[in-house]
Amino acid sequence: MKNKDIVNLPDQDLIEKVKDEKAALNKMTLNHAISPVENPSKIRLNRRNIARMVTEVSKRKNTSNK
């Protein structure tokens, strides 16, 4: 997911997307521990997307408090 797509999401949708992506990452890492994932770089990509979304959520909270 591109950063401009993340910025355009409404607050509630962004929070829900973070929860969904964290669950998907958890499932993916557990599956990878049992049997290797075909493309392990997807785990890194998913982790980075979550970090982008969490950063946007915290940025929005900080700007709304001012």
N, C-alpha and C. Protein backbone atom coordinates (compact mmCIF):
# COMPACT_ATOMS: atom_id res chain seq x y z
N MET A 1 0.85 -1.17 0.00
CA MET A 1 0.00 0.00 0.00
C MET A 1 0.89 1.23 0.00
N LYS A 2 0.60 2.14 -0.90
CA LYS A 2 1.39 3.36 -1.02
C LYS A 2 1.04 4.33 0.10
N ASN A 3 1.97 5.23 0.39
CA ASN A 3 1.76 6.19 1.46
C ASN A 3 0.62 7.14 1.15
N LYS A 4 0.46 7.53 -0.11
CA LYS A 4 -0.63 8.45 -0.46
C LYS A 4 -1.98 7.76 -0.31
N ASP A 5 -2.05 6.44 -0.46
CA ASP A 5 -3.28 5.71 -0.22
C ASP A 5 -3.61 5.69 1.27
N ILE A 6 -2.58 5.56 2.09
CA ILE A 6 -2.76 5.55 3.53
C ILE A 6 -3.26 6.90 4.01
N VAL A 7 -2.71 7.98 3.49
CA VAL A 7 -3.08 9.34 3.91
C VAL A 7 -4.54 9.63 3.55
N ASN A 8 -5.03 9.07 2.45
CA ASN A 8 -6.39 9.34 2.00
C ASN A 8 -7.45 8.54 2.75
N LEU A 9 -7.06 7.54 3.54
CA LEU A 9 -8.04 6.75 4.28
C LEU A 9 -8.60 7.54 5.46
N PRO A 10 -9.89 7.38 5.76
CA PRO A 10 -10.46 8.00 6.97
C PRO A 10 -9.87 7.36 8.22
N ASP A 11 -9.97 8.06 9.34
CA ASP A 11 -9.36 7.61 10.59
C ASP A 11 -9.81 6.21 10.99
N GLN A 12 -11.12 5.98 11.02
CA GLN A 12 -11.65 4.70 11.48
C GLN A 12 -11.22 3.56 10.55
N ASP A 13 -11.25 3.80 9.26
CA ASP A 13 -10.82 2.77 8.30
C ASP A 13 -9.34 2.45 8.46
N LEU A 14 -8.55 3.46 8.74
CA LEU A 14 -7.12 3.27 8.93
C LEU A 14 -6.84 2.41 10.16
N ILE A 15 -7.54 2.67 11.24
CA ILE A 15 -7.36 1.89 12.47
C ILE A 15 -7.77 0.44 12.24
N GLU A 16 -8.89 0.22 11.54
CA GLU A 16 -9.34 -1.13 11.24
C GLU A 16 -8.34 -1.85 10.33
N LYS A 17 -7.79 -1.12 9.39
CA LYS A 17 -6.81 -1.70 8.46
C LYS A 17 -5.55 -2.13 9.21
N VAL A 18 -5.14 -1.34 10.20
CA VAL A 18 -3.97 -1.70 11.01
C VAL A 18 -4.24 -3.01 11.75
N LYS A 19 -5.42 -3.14 12.34
CA LYS A 19 -5.77 -4.36 13.07
C LYS A 19 -5.77 -5.57 12.13
N ASP A 20 -6.35 -5.41 10.96
CA ASP A 20 -6.41 -6.50 9.99
C ASP A 20 -5.02 -6.91 9.53
N GLU A 21 -4.19 -5.93 9.25
CA GLU A 21 -2.84 -6.22 8.77
C GLU A 21 -1.98 -6.87 9.86
N LYS A 22 -2.17 -6.46 11.12
CA LYS A 22 -1.43 -7.09 12.21
C LYS A 22 -1.84 -8.55 12.36
N ALA A 23 -3.13 -8.82 12.22
CA ALA A 23 -3.60 -10.20 12.30
C ALA A 23 -3.04 -11.03 11.14
N ALA A 24 -3.01 -10.45 9.96
CA ALA A 24 -2.47 -11.15 8.80
C ALA A 24 -0.98 -11.42 8.97
N LEU A 25 -0.25 -10.44 9.53
CA LEU A 25 1.18 -10.62 9.77
C LEU A 25 1.42 -11.72 10.78
N ASN A 26 0.62 -11.74 11.83
CA ASN A 26 0.75 -12.77 12.86
C ASN A 26 0.52 -14.16 12.26
N LYS A 27 -0.51 -14.28 11.45
CA LYS A 27 -0.81 -15.55 10.80
C LYS A 27 0.31 -15.95 9.85
N MET A 28 0.83 -14.99 9.12
CA MET A 28 1.89 -15.26 8.15
C MET A 28 3.17 -15.72 8.85
N THR A 29 3.52 -15.09 9.96
CA THR A 29 4.74 -15.48 10.66
C THR A 29 4.59 -16.86 11.30
N LEU A 30 3.40 -17.18 11.80
CA LEU A 30 3.18 -18.51 12.36
C LEU A 30 3.27 -19.57 11.27
N ASN A 31 2.69 -19.29 10.11
CA ASN A 31 2.78 -20.23 9.00
C ASN A 31 4.21 -20.38 8.52
N HIS A 32 4.97 -19.30 8.57
CA HIS A 32 6.37 -19.35 8.15
C HIS A 32 7.20 -20.18 9.13
N ALA A 33 6.84 -20.16 10.40
CA ALA A 33 7.56 -20.94 11.40
C ALA A 33 7.33 -22.44 11.19
N ILE A 34 6.12 -22.79 10.76
CA ILE A 34 5.79 -24.19 10.55
C ILE A 34 6.40 -24.71 9.25
N SER A 35 6.09 -24.03 8.17
CA SER A 35 6.68 -24.38 6.88
C SER A 35 7.04 -23.09 6.17
N PRO A 36 8.21 -23.03 5.56
CA PRO A 36 8.67 -21.78 4.95
C PRO A 36 7.69 -21.21 3.92
N VAL A 37 7.48 -19.91 4.02
CA VAL A 37 6.63 -19.21 3.08
C VAL A 37 7.33 -19.14 1.74
N GLU A 38 6.57 -19.17 0.66
CA GLU A 38 7.15 -19.16 -0.67
C GLU A 38 7.96 -17.89 -0.92
N ASN A 39 7.47 -16.74 -0.44
CA ASN A 39 8.16 -15.48 -0.65
C ASN A 39 8.29 -14.76 0.71
N PRO A 40 9.37 -14.99 1.45
CA PRO A 40 9.50 -14.41 2.79
C PRO A 40 9.61 -12.88 2.81
N SER A 41 9.87 -12.25 1.67
CA SER A 41 9.94 -10.79 1.66
C SER A 41 8.57 -10.18 1.87
N LYS A 42 7.50 -10.96 1.69
CA LYS A 42 6.15 -10.47 1.96
C LYS A 42 5.97 -10.13 3.44
N ILE A 43 6.66 -10.87 4.30
CA ILE A 43 6.59 -10.59 5.74
C ILE A 43 7.16 -9.21 6.03
N ARG A 44 8.31 -8.92 5.44
CA ARG A 44 8.94 -7.61 5.64
C ARG A 44 8.07 -6.50 5.07
N LEU A 45 7.52 -6.73 3.89
CA LEU A 45 6.66 -5.74 3.25
C LEU A 45 5.43 -5.45 4.10
N ASN A 46 4.83 -6.49 4.67
CA ASN A 46 3.66 -6.33 5.52
C ASN A 46 4.02 -5.56 6.79
N ARG A 47 5.18 -5.87 7.37
CA ARG A 47 5.62 -5.17 8.58
C ARG A 47 5.84 -3.69 8.31
N ARG A 48 6.39 -3.37 7.16
CA ARG A 48 6.64 -1.98 6.81
C ARG A 48 5.34 -1.23 6.53
N ASN A 49 4.38 -1.89 5.90
CA ASN A 49 3.08 -1.27 5.68
C ASN A 49 2.38 -0.95 6.99
N ILE A 50 2.48 -1.87 7.95
CA ILE A 50 1.89 -1.64 9.27
C ILE A 50 2.56 -0.43 9.92
N ALA A 51 3.87 -0.35 9.81
CA ALA A 51 4.60 0.79 10.39
C ALA A 51 4.16 2.10 9.75
N ARG A 52 3.95 2.11 8.44
CA ARG A 52 3.48 3.32 7.76
C ARG A 52 2.10 3.73 8.28
N MET A 53 1.23 2.76 8.44
CA MET A 53 -0.13 3.07 8.90
C MET A 53 -0.13 3.55 10.35
N VAL A 54 0.66 2.91 11.20
CA VAL A 54 0.73 3.33 12.60
C VAL A 54 1.32 4.73 12.71
N THR A 55 2.30 5.04 11.88
CA THR A 55 2.88 6.37 11.86
C THR A 55 1.84 7.41 11.47
N GLU A 56 1.03 7.11 10.49
CA GLU A 56 -0.02 8.03 10.05
C GLU A 56 -1.06 8.23 11.15
N VAL A 57 -1.42 7.16 11.86
CA VAL A 57 -2.38 7.27 12.96
C VAL A 57 -1.83 8.18 14.06
N SER A 58 -0.57 7.97 14.43
CA SER A 58 0.02 8.80 15.48
C SER A 58 0.19 10.24 15.02
N LYS A 59 0.49 10.44 13.75
CA LYS A 59 0.61 11.80 13.21
C LYS A 59 -0.73 12.52 13.29
N ARG A 60 -1.80 11.81 12.96
CA ARG A 60 -3.14 12.41 13.03
C ARG A 60 -3.53 12.73 14.47
N LYS A 61 -3.17 11.86 15.41
CA LYS A 61 -3.48 12.13 16.81
C LYS A 61 -2.72 13.35 17.31
N ASN A 62 -1.47 13.47 16.91
CA ASN A 62 -0.66 14.62 17.36
C ASN A 62 -1.16 15.93 16.77
N THR A 63 -1.60 15.93 15.53
CA THR A 63 -2.09 17.17 14.93
C THR A 63 -3.46 17.55 15.46
N SER A 64 -4.26 16.57 15.85
CA SER A 64 -5.60 16.88 16.37
C SER A 64 -5.54 17.40 17.80
N ASN A 65 -4.46 17.08 18.54
CA ASN A 65 -4.33 17.55 19.91
C ASN A 65 -3.87 19.00 19.99
N LYS A 66 -3.32 19.52 18.94
CA LYS A 66 -2.78 20.88 18.97
C LYS A 66 -3.84 21.90 18.70
